[in-house]
Amino acid sequence: KNIRFTETVLRDGQQSQIATRMPTEDMLPILHTMDQA
């Protein structure tokens, strides 16, 4: 059966653990890989 995944690390994952303090510069280098996942 098919089941899809929504990845939350850029919003709720980091909001729930570090009160949303992750700057954009931490996200940009990995976005291409996330986009291919």
Full PDB file with SEQRES, HELIX, SHEET, SSBOND, CRYST1, ORIGX, SCALE, CONECT and MASTER records, all heavy atoms in Angstrom:
SEQRES   1 A   37  LYS ASN ILE ARG PHE THR GLU THR VAL LEU ARG ASP GLY          
SEQRES   2 A   37  GLN GLN SER GLN ILE ALA THR ARG MET PRO THR GLU ASP          
SEQRES   3 A   37  MET LEU PRO ILE LEU HIS THR MET ASP GLN ALA                  
HELIX    1 AA1 VAL A    9  GLY A   13  3                                   5    
HELIX    2 AA2 GLN A   14  ILE A   18  1                                   5    
HELIX    3 AA3 THR A   24  MET A   27  1                                   4    
HELIX    4 AA4 LEU A   28  ILE A   30  5                                   3    
HELIX    5 AA5 LEU A   31  ASP A   35  1                                   5    
CRYST1    1.000    1.000    1.000  90.00  90.00  90.00 P 1           1          
ORIGX1      1.000000  0.000000  0.000000        0.00000                         
ORIGX2      0.000000  1.000000  0.000000        0.00000                         
ORIGX3      0.000000  0.000000  1.000000        0.00000                         
SCALE1      1.000000  0.000000  0.000000        0.00000                         
SCALE2      0.000000  1.000000  0.000000        0.00000                         
SCALE3      0.000000  0.000000  1.000000        0.00000                         
ATOM      1  N   LYS A   1       0.863  -1.178   0.000  1.00  0.00           N  
ATOM      2  CA  LYS A   1       0.000   0.000   0.000  1.00  0.00           C  
ATOM      3  C   LYS A   1       0.899   1.227   0.000  1.00  0.00           C  
ATOM      4  O   LYS A   1       2.029   1.182   0.490  1.00  0.00           O  
ATOM      5  CB  LYS A   1      -0.887  -0.006   1.245  1.00  0.00           C  
ATOM      6  CG  LYS A   1      -1.981  -1.069   1.209  1.00  0.00           C  
ATOM      7  CD  LYS A   1      -2.776  -1.104   2.494  1.00  0.00           C  
ATOM      8  CE  LYS A   1      -1.995  -1.782   3.608  1.00  0.00           C  
ATOM      9  NZ  LYS A   1      -2.794  -1.991   4.827  1.00  0.00           N  
ATOM     10  N   ASN A   2       0.380   2.322  -0.509  1.00  0.00           N  
ATOM     11  CA  ASN A   2       1.167   3.557  -0.555  1.00  0.00           C  
ATOM     12  C   ASN A   2       0.930   4.396   0.692  1.00  0.00           C  
ATOM     13  O   ASN A   2      -0.207   4.546   1.135  1.00  0.00           O  
ATOM     14  CB  ASN A   2       0.792   4.389  -1.791  1.00  0.00           C  
ATOM     15  CG  ASN A   2       1.227   3.710  -3.066  1.00  0.00           C  
ATOM     16  OD1 ASN A   2       2.247   3.026  -3.090  1.00  0.00           O  
ATOM     17  ND2 ASN A   2       0.458   3.878  -4.132  1.00  0.00           N  
ATOM     18  N   ILE A   3       2.014   4.945   1.226  1.00  0.00           N  
ATOM     19  CA  ILE A   3       1.895   5.932   2.300  1.00  0.00           C  
ATOM     20  C   ILE A   3       2.988   6.966   2.085  1.00  0.00           C  
ATOM     21  O   ILE A   3       4.136   6.618   1.804  1.00  0.00           O  
ATOM     22  CB  ILE A   3       1.980   5.276   3.702  1.00  0.00           C  
ATOM     23  CG1 ILE A   3       1.627   6.304   4.786  1.00  0.00           C  
ATOM     24  CG2 ILE A   3       3.352   4.654   3.969  1.00  0.00           C  
ATOM     25  CD1 ILE A   3       1.289   5.675   6.126  1.00  0.00           C  
ATOM     26  N   ARG A   4       2.626   8.235   2.139  1.00  0.00           N  
ATOM     27  CA  ARG A   4       3.595   9.301   1.870  1.00  0.00           C  
ATOM     28  C   ARG A   4       3.980   9.992   3.177  1.00  0.00           C  
ATOM     29  O   ARG A   4       3.288   9.899   4.185  1.00  0.00           O  
ATOM     30  CB  ARG A   4       2.991  10.341   0.897  1.00  0.00           C  
ATOM     31  CG  ARG A   4       2.543   9.771  -0.445  1.00  0.00           C  
ATOM     32  CD  ARG A   4       3.684   9.175  -1.264  1.00  0.00           C  
ATOM     33  NE  ARG A   4       4.803  10.105  -1.464  1.00  0.00           N  
ATOM     34  CZ  ARG A   4       4.845  11.042  -2.402  1.00  0.00           C  
ATOM     35  NH1 ARG A   4       3.826  11.205  -3.242  1.00  0.00           N  
ATOM     36  NH2 ARG A   4       5.901  11.824  -2.529  1.00  0.00           N  
ATOM     37  N   PHE A   5       5.109  10.726   3.119  1.00  0.00           N  
ATOM     38  CA  PHE A   5       5.662  11.381   4.309  1.00  0.00           C  
ATOM     39  C   PHE A   5       5.766  12.894   4.100  1.00  0.00           C  
ATOM     40  O   PHE A   5       6.271  13.340   3.070  1.00  0.00           O  
ATOM     41  CB  PHE A   5       7.074  10.846   4.592  1.00  0.00           C  
ATOM     42  CG  PHE A   5       7.123   9.489   5.242  1.00  0.00           C  
ATOM     43  CD1 PHE A   5       6.553   8.375   4.632  1.00  0.00           C  
ATOM     44  CD2 PHE A   5       7.757   9.322   6.467  1.00  0.00           C  
ATOM     45  CE1 PHE A   5       6.609   7.120   5.225  1.00  0.00           C  
ATOM     46  CE2 PHE A   5       7.815   8.069   7.070  1.00  0.00           C  
ATOM     47  CZ  PHE A   5       7.236   6.966   6.457  1.00  0.00           C  
ATOM     48  N   THR A   6       5.307  13.657   5.088  1.00  0.00           N  
ATOM     49  CA  THR A   6       5.589  15.097   5.142  1.00  0.00           C  
ATOM     50  C   THR A   6       6.698  15.292   6.173  1.00  0.00           C  
ATOM     51  O   THR A   6       6.574  14.848   7.321  1.00  0.00           O  
ATOM     52  CB  THR A   6       4.333  15.903   5.528  1.00  0.00           C  
ATOM     53  OG1 THR A   6       3.398  15.839   4.448  1.00  0.00           O  
ATOM     54  CG2 THR A   6       4.672  17.366   5.801  1.00  0.00           C  
ATOM     55  N   GLU A   7       7.790  15.921   5.756  1.00  0.00           N  
ATOM     56  CA  GLU A   7       8.954  16.141   6.631  1.00  0.00           C  
ATOM     57  C   GLU A   7       8.801  17.477   7.349  1.00  0.00           C  
ATOM     58  O   GLU A   7       8.581  18.515   6.721  1.00  0.00           O  
ATOM     59  CB  GLU A   7      10.236  16.120   5.791  1.00  0.00           C  
ATOM     60  CG  GLU A   7      11.499  16.511   6.525  1.00  0.00           C  
ATOM     61  CD  GLU A   7      11.785  15.662   7.751  1.00  0.00           C  
ATOM     62  OE1 GLU A   7      11.851  14.420   7.623  1.00  0.00           O  
ATOM     63  OE2 GLU A   7      11.939  16.256   8.841  1.00  0.00           O  
ATOM     64  N   THR A   8       8.953  17.452   8.696  1.00  0.00           N  
ATOM     65  CA  THR A   8       8.654  18.640   9.502  1.00  0.00           C  
ATOM     66  C   THR A   8       9.872  19.354  10.092  1.00  0.00           C  
ATOM     67  O   THR A   8       9.715  20.337  10.806  1.00  0.00           O  
ATOM     68  CB  THR A   8       7.734  18.263  10.692  1.00  0.00           C  
ATOM     69  OG1 THR A   8       8.477  17.434  11.602  1.00  0.00           O  
ATOM     70  CG2 THR A   8       6.481  17.532  10.220  1.00  0.00           C  
ATOM     71  N   VAL A   9      11.101  18.878   9.800  1.00  0.00           N  
ATOM     72  CA  VAL A   9      12.270  19.416  10.511  1.00  0.00           C  
ATOM     73  C   VAL A   9      12.436  20.931  10.333  1.00  0.00           C  
ATOM     74  O   VAL A   9      12.919  21.626  11.233  1.00  0.00           O  
ATOM     75  CB  VAL A   9      13.575  18.682  10.089  1.00  0.00           C  
ATOM     76  CG1 VAL A   9      13.949  18.977   8.641  1.00  0.00           C  
ATOM     77  CG2 VAL A   9      14.734  19.041  11.023  1.00  0.00           C  
ATOM     78  N   LEU A  10      11.990  21.473   9.203  1.00  0.00           N  
ATOM     79  CA  LEU A  10      12.175  22.900   8.941  1.00  0.00           C  
ATOM     80  C   LEU A  10      11.155  23.774   9.675  1.00  0.00           C  
ATOM     81  O   LEU A  10      11.318  24.987   9.754  1.00  0.00           O  
ATOM     82  CB  LEU A  10      12.082  23.177   7.432  1.00  0.00           C  
ATOM     83  CG  LEU A  10      13.064  22.404   6.541  1.00  0.00           C  
ATOM     84  CD1 LEU A  10      12.835  22.730   5.073  1.00  0.00           C  
ATOM     85  CD2 LEU A  10      14.510  22.688   6.935  1.00  0.00           C  
ATOM     86  N   ARG A  11      10.088  23.143  10.221  1.00  0.00           N  
ATOM     87  CA  ARG A  11       9.090  23.913  10.966  1.00  0.00           C  
ATOM     88  C   ARG A  11       8.769  23.248  12.308  1.00  0.00           C  
ATOM     89  O   ARG A  11       9.364  23.565  13.314  1.00  0.00           O  
ATOM     90  CB  ARG A  11       7.820  24.118  10.126  1.00  0.00           C  
ATOM     91  CG  ARG A  11       6.991  25.356  10.538  1.00  0.00           C  
ATOM     92  CD  ARG A  11       6.196  25.235  11.810  1.00  0.00           C  
ATOM     93  NE  ARG A  11       5.171  24.214  11.788  1.00  0.00           N  
ATOM     94  CZ  ARG A  11       4.401  23.913  12.842  1.00  0.00           C  
ATOM     95  NH1 ARG A  11       4.544  24.556  13.984  1.00  0.00           N  
ATOM     96  NH2 ARG A  11       3.510  22.938  12.764  1.00  0.00           N  
ATOM     97  N   ASP A  12       7.885  22.270  12.331  1.00  0.00           N  
ATOM     98  CA  ASP A  12       7.432  21.761  13.625  1.00  0.00           C  
ATOM     99  C   ASP A  12       8.508  20.986  14.367  1.00  0.00           C  
ATOM    100  O   ASP A  12       8.571  21.029  15.593  1.00  0.00           O  
ATOM    101  CB  ASP A  12       6.178  20.889  13.457  1.00  0.00           C  
ATOM    102  CG  ASP A  12       5.388  20.774  14.759  1.00  0.00           C  
ATOM    103  OD1 ASP A  12       5.657  21.556  15.684  1.00  0.00           O  
ATOM    104  OD2 ASP A  12       4.501  19.910  14.844  1.00  0.00           O  
ATOM    105  N   GLY A  13       9.376  20.272  13.638  1.00  0.00           N  
ATOM    106  CA  GLY A  13      10.461  19.546  14.296  1.00  0.00           C  
ATOM    107  C   GLY A  13      11.328  20.479  15.113  1.00  0.00           C  
ATOM    108  O   GLY A  13      11.561  20.265  16.311  1.00  0.00           O  
ATOM    109  N   GLN A  14      11.785  21.556  14.475  1.00  0.00           N  
ATOM    110  CA  GLN A  14      12.643  22.500  15.206  1.00  0.00           C  
ATOM    111  C   GLN A  14      11.837  23.402  16.137  1.00  0.00           C  
ATOM    112  O   GLN A  14      12.325  23.833  17.177  1.00  0.00           O  
ATOM    113  CB  GLN A  14      13.494  23.308  14.218  1.00  0.00           C  
ATOM    114  CG  GLN A  14      12.724  24.142  13.229  1.00  0.00           C  
ATOM    115  CD  GLN A  14      13.138  25.610  13.253  1.00  0.00           C  
ATOM    116  OE1 GLN A  14      13.796  26.083  14.173  1.00  0.00           O  
ATOM    117  NE2 GLN A  14      12.737  26.340  12.223  1.00  0.00           N  
ATOM    118  N   GLN A  15      10.577  23.674  15.799  1.00  0.00           N  
ATOM    119  CA  GLN A  15       9.748  24.481  16.702  1.00  0.00           C  
ATOM    120  C   GLN A  15       9.525  23.747  18.016  1.00  0.00           C  
ATOM    121  O   GLN A  15       9.565  24.340  19.095  1.00  0.00           O  
ATOM    122  CB  GLN A  15       8.391  24.801  16.063  1.00  0.00           C  
ATOM    123  CG  GLN A  15       7.491  25.657  16.958  1.00  0.00           C  
ATOM    124  CD  GLN A  15       6.216  26.104  16.273  1.00  0.00           C  
ATOM    125  OE1 GLN A  15       6.221  26.464  15.097  1.00  0.00           O  
ATOM    126  NE2 GLN A  15       5.110  26.085  16.976  1.00  0.00           N  
ATOM    127  N   SER A  16       9.315  22.439  17.934  1.00  0.00           N  
ATOM    128  CA  SER A  16       9.018  21.643  19.128  1.00  0.00           C  
ATOM    129  C   SER A  16      10.241  21.436  20.015  1.00  0.00           C  
ATOM    130  O   SER A  16      10.094  21.136  21.196  1.00  0.00           O  
ATOM    131  CB  SER A  16       8.467  20.270  18.717  1.00  0.00           C  
ATOM    132  OG  SER A  16       7.254  20.413  18.018  1.00  0.00           O  
ATOM    133  N   GLN A  17      11.440  21.590  19.464  1.00  0.00           N  
ATOM    134  CA  GLN A  17      12.630  21.271  20.262  1.00  0.00           C  
ATOM    135  C   GLN A  17      13.555  22.452  20.530  1.00  0.00           C  
ATOM    136  O   GLN A  17      14.194  22.495  21.578  1.00  0.00           O  
ATOM    137  CB  GLN A  17      13.398  20.132  19.580  1.00  0.00           C  
ATOM    138  CG  GLN A  17      12.560  18.853  19.522  1.00  0.00           C  
ATOM    139  CD  GLN A  17      13.371  17.590  19.399  1.00  0.00           C  
ATOM    140  OE1 GLN A  17      14.491  17.601  18.910  1.00  0.00           O  
ATOM    141  NE2 GLN A  17      12.796  16.489  19.823  1.00  0.00           N  
ATOM    142  N   ILE A  18      13.622  23.403  19.604  1.00  0.00           N  
ATOM    143  CA  ILE A  18      14.518  24.553  19.845  1.00  0.00           C  
ATOM    144  C   ILE A  18      13.776  25.880  19.674  1.00  0.00           C  
ATOM    145  O   ILE A  18      14.376  26.905  19.350  1.00  0.00           O  
ATOM    146  CB  ILE A  18      15.782  24.507  18.936  1.00  0.00           C  
ATOM    147  CG1 ILE A  18      15.395  24.390  17.452  1.00  0.00           C  
ATOM    148  CG2 ILE A  18      16.708  23.376  19.357  1.00  0.00           C  
ATOM    149  CD1 ILE A  18      16.554  24.613  16.481  1.00  0.00           C  
ATOM    150  N   ALA A  19      12.444  25.830  19.915  1.00  0.00           N  
ATOM    151  CA  ALA A  19      11.622  27.046  19.893  1.00  0.00           C  
ATOM    152  C   ALA A  19      11.815  27.859  18.609  1.00  0.00           C  
ATOM    153  O   ALA A  19      11.841  29.083  18.620  1.00  0.00           O  
ATOM    154  CB  ALA A  19      11.903  27.905  21.121  1.00  0.00           C  
ATOM    155  N   THR A  20      11.974  27.149  17.494  1.00  0.00           N  
ATOM    156  CA  THR A  20      12.023  27.762  16.149  1.00  0.00           C  
ATOM    157  C   THR A  20      13.201  28.701  15.953  1.00  0.00           C  
ATOM    158  O   THR A  20      13.109  29.682  15.221  1.00  0.00           O  
ATOM    159  CB  THR A  20      10.699  28.514  15.835  1.00  0.00           C  
ATOM    160  OG1 THR A  20       9.644  27.967  16.631  1.00  0.00           O  
ATOM    161  CG2 THR A  20      10.293  28.355  14.385  1.00  0.00           C  
ATOM    162  N   ARG A  21      14.331  28.397  16.591  1.00  0.00           N  
ATOM    163  CA  ARG A  21      15.489  29.298  16.501  1.00  0.00           C  
ATOM    164  C   ARG A  21      16.435  28.966  15.348  1.00  0.00           C  
ATOM    165  O   ARG A  21      17.490  29.569  15.229  1.00  0.00           O  
ATOM    166  CB  ARG A  21      16.289  29.260  17.809  1.00  0.00           C  
ATOM    167  CG  ARG A  21      15.560  29.743  19.036  1.00  0.00           C  
ATOM    168  CD  ARG A  21      15.185  31.232  18.953  1.00  0.00           C  
ATOM    169  NE  ARG A  21      14.947  31.767  20.271  1.00  0.00           N  
ATOM    170  CZ  ARG A  21      13.812  31.652  20.942  1.00  0.00           C  
ATOM    171  NH1 ARG A  21      12.800  31.014  20.381  1.00  0.00           N  
ATOM    172  NH2 ARG A  21      13.676  32.173  22.148  1.00  0.00           N  
ATOM    173  N   MET A  22      16.093  28.005  14.491  1.00  0.00           N  
ATOM    174  CA  MET A  22      17.013  27.640  13.408  1.00  0.00           C  
ATOM    175  C   MET A  22      17.003  28.703  12.313  1.00  0.00           C  
ATOM    176  O   MET A  22      15.968  28.983  11.728  1.00  0.00           O  
ATOM    177  CB  MET A  22      16.615  26.283  12.802  1.00  0.00           C  
ATOM    178  CG  MET A  22      17.685  25.724  11.862  1.00  0.00           C  
ATOM    179  SD  MET A  22      17.126  24.213  11.016  1.00  0.00           S  
ATOM    180  CE  MET A  22      17.016  23.058  12.384  1.00  0.00           C  
ATOM    181  N   PRO A  23      18.172  29.314  12.019  1.00  0.00           N  
ATOM    182  CA  PRO A  23      18.214  30.327  10.961  1.00  0.00           C  
ATOM    183  C   PRO A  23      18.153  29.687   9.569  1.00  0.00           C  
ATOM    184  O   PRO A  23      18.462  28.501   9.397  1.00  0.00           O  
ATOM    185  CB  PRO A  23      19.563  31.022  11.182  1.00  0.00           C  
ATOM    186  CG  PRO A  23      20.408  30.008  11.885  1.00  0.00           C  
ATOM    187  CD  PRO A  23      19.483  29.137  12.676  1.00  0.00           C  
ATOM    188  N   THR A  24      17.771  30.483   8.591  1.00  0.00           N  
ATOM    189  CA  THR A  24      17.643  29.982   7.217  1.00  0.00           C  
ATOM    190  C   THR A  24      18.969  29.425   6.703  1.00  0.00           C  
ATOM    191  O   THR A  24      18.990  28.439   5.968  1.00  0.00           O  
ATOM    192  CB  THR A  24      17.144  31.118   6.288  1.00  0.00           C  
ATOM    193  OG1 THR A  24      15.946  31.666   6.847  1.00  0.00           O  
ATOM    194  CG2 THR A  24      16.848  30.614   4.890  1.00  0.00           C  
ATOM    195  N   GLU A  25      20.078  30.034   7.104  1.00  0.00           N  
ATOM    196  CA  GLU A  25      21.384  29.586   6.585  1.00  0.00           C  
ATOM    197  C   GLU A  25      21.688  28.138   6.977  1.00  0.00           C  
ATOM    198  O   GLU A  25      22.457  27.462   6.295  1.00  0.00           O  
ATOM    199  CB  GLU A  25      22.503  30.519   7.043  1.00  0.00           C  
ATOM    200  CG  GLU A  25      22.741  30.516   8.539  1.00  0.00           C  
ATOM    201  CD  GLU A  25      23.831  31.492   8.959  1.00  0.00           C  
ATOM    202  OE1 GLU A  25      24.170  32.398   8.175  1.00  0.00           O  
ATOM    203  OE2 GLU A  25      24.334  31.349  10.101  1.00  0.00           O  
ATOM    204  N   ASP A  26      21.069  27.645   8.070  1.00  0.00           N  
ATOM    205  CA  ASP A  26      21.247  26.238   8.443  1.00  0.00           C  
ATOM    206  C   ASP A  26      20.483  25.303   7.501  1.00  0.00           C  
ATOM    207  O   ASP A  26      20.801  24.119   7.413  1.00  0.00           O  
ATOM    208  CB  ASP A  26      20.749  25.990   9.874  1.00  0.00           C  
ATOM    209  CG  ASP A  26      21.739  26.457  10.935  1.00  0.00           C  
ATOM    210  OD1 ASP A  26      22.907  26.712  10.583  1.00  0.00           O  
ATOM    211  OD2 ASP A  26      21.346  26.572  12.110  1.00  0.00           O  
ATOM    212  N   MET A  27      19.469  25.843   6.848  1.00  0.00           N  
ATOM    213  CA  MET A  27      18.584  25.014   6.014  1.00  0.00           C  
ATOM    214  C   MET A  27      19.049  24.921   4.563  1.00  0.00           C  
ATOM    215  O   MET A  27      18.941  23.863   3.929  1.00  0.00           O  
ATOM    216  CB  MET A  27      17.161  25.601   6.037  1.00  0.00           C  
ATOM    217  CG  MET A  27      16.568  25.776   7.423  1.00  0.00           C  
ATOM    218  SD  MET A  27      14.990  26.668   7.343  1.00  0.00           S  
ATOM    219  CE  MET A  27      14.636  26.846   9.101  1.00  0.00           C  
ATOM    220  N   LEU A  28      19.538  26.023   4.037  1.00  0.00           N  
ATOM    221  CA  LEU A  28      19.785  26.125   2.589  1.00  0.00           C  
ATOM    222  C   LEU A  28      20.700  25.035   2.017  1.00  0.00           C  
ATOM    223  O   LEU A  28      20.396  24.483   0.955  1.00  0.00           O  
ATOM    224  CB  LEU A  28      20.329  27.516   2.247  1.00  0.00           C  
ATOM    225  CG  LEU A  28      19.359  28.682   2.476  1.00  0.00           C  
ATOM    226  CD1 LEU A  28      20.038  30.020   2.195  1.00  0.00           C  
ATOM    227  CD2 LEU A  28      18.107  28.551   1.612  1.00  0.00           C  
ATOM    228  N   PRO A  29      21.827  24.663   2.680  1.00  0.00           N  
ATOM    229  CA  PRO A  29      22.745  23.712   2.043  1.00  0.00           C  
ATOM    230  C   PRO A  29      22.157  22.316   1.802  1.00  0.00           C  
ATOM    231  O   PRO A  29      22.647  21.580   0.951  1.00  0.00           O  
ATOM    232  CB  PRO A  29      23.922  23.631   3.037  1.00  0.00           C  
ATOM    233  CG  PRO A  29      23.804  24.842   3.889  1.00  0.00           C  
ATOM    234  CD  PRO A  29      22.351  25.159   3.964  1.00  0.00           C  
ATOM    235  N   ILE A  30      21.121  21.931   2.537  1.00  0.00           N  
ATOM    236  CA  ILE A  30      20.602  20.560   2.435  1.00  0.00           C  
ATOM    237  C   ILE A  30      19.308  20.486   1.618  1.00  0.00           C  
ATOM    238  O   ILE A  30      18.786  19.394   1.351  1.00  0.00           O  
ATOM    239  CB  ILE A  30      20.381  19.961   3.861  1.00  0.00           C  
ATOM    240  CG1 ILE A  30      20.247  18.423   3.824  1.00  0.00           C  
ATOM    241  CG2 ILE A  30      19.160  20.587   4.551  1.00  0.00           C  
ATOM    242  CD1 ILE A  30      21.450  17.679   3.316  1.00  0.00           C  
ATOM    243  N   LEU A  31      18.788  21.618   1.181  1.00  0.00           N  
ATOM    244  CA  LEU A  31      17.471  21.630   0.525  1.00  0.00           C  
ATOM    245  C   LEU A  31      17.444  20.816  -0.767  1.00  0.00           C  
ATOM    246  O   LEU A  31      16.455  20.149  -1.070  1.00  0.00           O  
ATOM    247  CB  LEU A  31      17.019  23.065   0.253  1.00  0.00           C  
ATOM    248  CG  LEU A  31      16.657  23.879   1.510  1.00  0.00           C  
ATOM    249  CD1 LEU A  31      16.325  25.316   1.133  1.00  0.00           C  
ATOM    250  CD2 LEU A  31      15.497  23.251   2.272  1.00  0.00           C  
ATOM    251  N   HIS A  32      18.528  20.845  -1.531  1.00  0.00           N  
ATOM    252  CA  HIS A  32      18.557  20.100  -2.792  1.00  0.00           C  
ATOM    253  C   HIS A  32      18.392  18.601  -2.504  1.00  0.00           C  
ATOM    254  O   HIS A  32      17.611  17.904  -3.178  1.00  0.00           O  
ATOM    255  CB  HIS A  32      19.861  20.358  -3.557  1.00  0.00           C  
ATOM    256  CG  HIS A  32      19.949  19.597  -4.848  1.00  0.00           C  
ATOM    257  ND1 HIS A  32      19.186  19.919  -5.954  1.00  0.00           N  
ATOM    258  CD2 HIS A  32      20.689  18.505  -5.194  1.00  0.00           C  
ATOM    259  CE1 HIS A  32      19.455  19.055  -6.934  1.00  0.00           C  
ATOM    260  NE2 HIS A  32      20.361  18.191  -6.492  1.00  0.00           N  
ATOM    261  N   THR A  33      19.102  18.105  -1.483  1.00  0.00           N  
ATOM    262  CA  THR A  33      18.993  16.690  -1.106  1.00  0.00           C  
ATOM    263  C   THR A  33      17.583  16.368  -0.610  1.00  0.00           C  
ATOM    264  O   THR A  33      16.997  15.346  -0.975  1.00  0.00           O  
ATOM    265  CB  THR A  33      20.022  16.335  -0.006  1.00  0.00           C  
ATOM    266  OG1 THR A  33      21.321  16.721  -0.464  1.00  0.00           O  
ATOM    267  CG2 THR A  33      20.017  14.857   0.322  1.00  0.00           C  
ATOM    268  N   MET A  34      17.016  17.256   0.206  1.00  0.00           N  
ATOM    269  CA  MET A  34      15.648  17.043   0.707  1.00  0.00           C  
ATOM    270  C   MET A  34      14.646  17.009  -0.454  1.00  0.00           C  
ATOM    271  O   MET A  34      13.687  16.236  -0.442  1.00  0.00           O  
ATOM    272  CB  MET A  34      15.269  18.134   1.717  1.00  0.00           C  
ATOM    273  CG  MET A  34      16.086  18.092   2.997  1.00  0.00           C  
ATOM    274  SD  MET A  34      15.624  19.372   4.191  1.00  0.00           S  
ATOM    275  CE  MET A  34      14.162  18.633   4.928  1.00  0.00           C  
ATOM    276  N   ASP A  35      14.900  17.843  -1.441  1.00  0.00           N  
ATOM    277  CA  ASP A  35      14.010  17.917  -2.606  1.00  0.00           C  
ATOM    278  C   ASP A  35      14.039  16.626  -3.430  1.00  0.00           C  
ATOM    279  O   ASP A  35      13.080  16.304  -4.136  1.00  0.00           O  
ATOM    280  CB  ASP A  35      14.414  19.120  -3.477  1.00  0.00           C  
ATOM    281  CG  ASP A  35      13.364  19.466  -4.518  1.00  0.00           C  
ATOM    282  OD1 ASP A  35      12.181  19.120  -4.326  1.00  0.00           O  
ATOM    283  OD2 ASP A  35      13.730  20.088  -5.540  1.00  0.00           O  
ATOM    284  N   GLN A  36      15.152  15.902  -3.343  1.00  0.00           N  
ATOM    285  CA  GLN A  36      15.299  14.650  -4.112  1.00  0.00           C  
ATOM    286  C   GLN A  36      14.879  13.416  -3.305  1.00  0.00           C  
ATOM    287  O   GLN A  36      14.937  12.298  -3.805  1.00  0.00           O  
ATOM    288  CB  GLN A  36      16.775  14.463  -4.536  1.00  0.00           C  
ATOM    289  CG  GLN A  36      17.366  15.607  -5.343  1.00  0.00           C  
ATOM    290  CD  GLN A  36      16.648  15.822  -6.668  1.00  0.00           C  
ATOM    291  OE1 GLN A  36      16.350  14.864  -7.373  1.00  0.00           O  
ATOM    292  NE2 GLN A  36      16.361  17.071  -6.997  1.00  0.00           N  
ATOM    293  N   ALA A  37      14.473  13.607  -2.048  1.00  0.00           N  
ATOM    294  CA  ALA A  37      14.270  12.458  -1.149  1.00  0.00           C  
ATOM    295  C   ALA A  37      12.913  11.778  -1.314  1.00  0.00           C  
ATOM    296  O   ALA A  37      12.698  10.697  -0.761  1.00  0.00           O  
ATOM    297  CB  ALA A  37      14.455  12.897   0.300  1.00  0.00           C  
TER     298      ALA A  37                                                      
MASTER        0    0    0    5    0    0    0    6  297    1    0    3          
END                                                                             
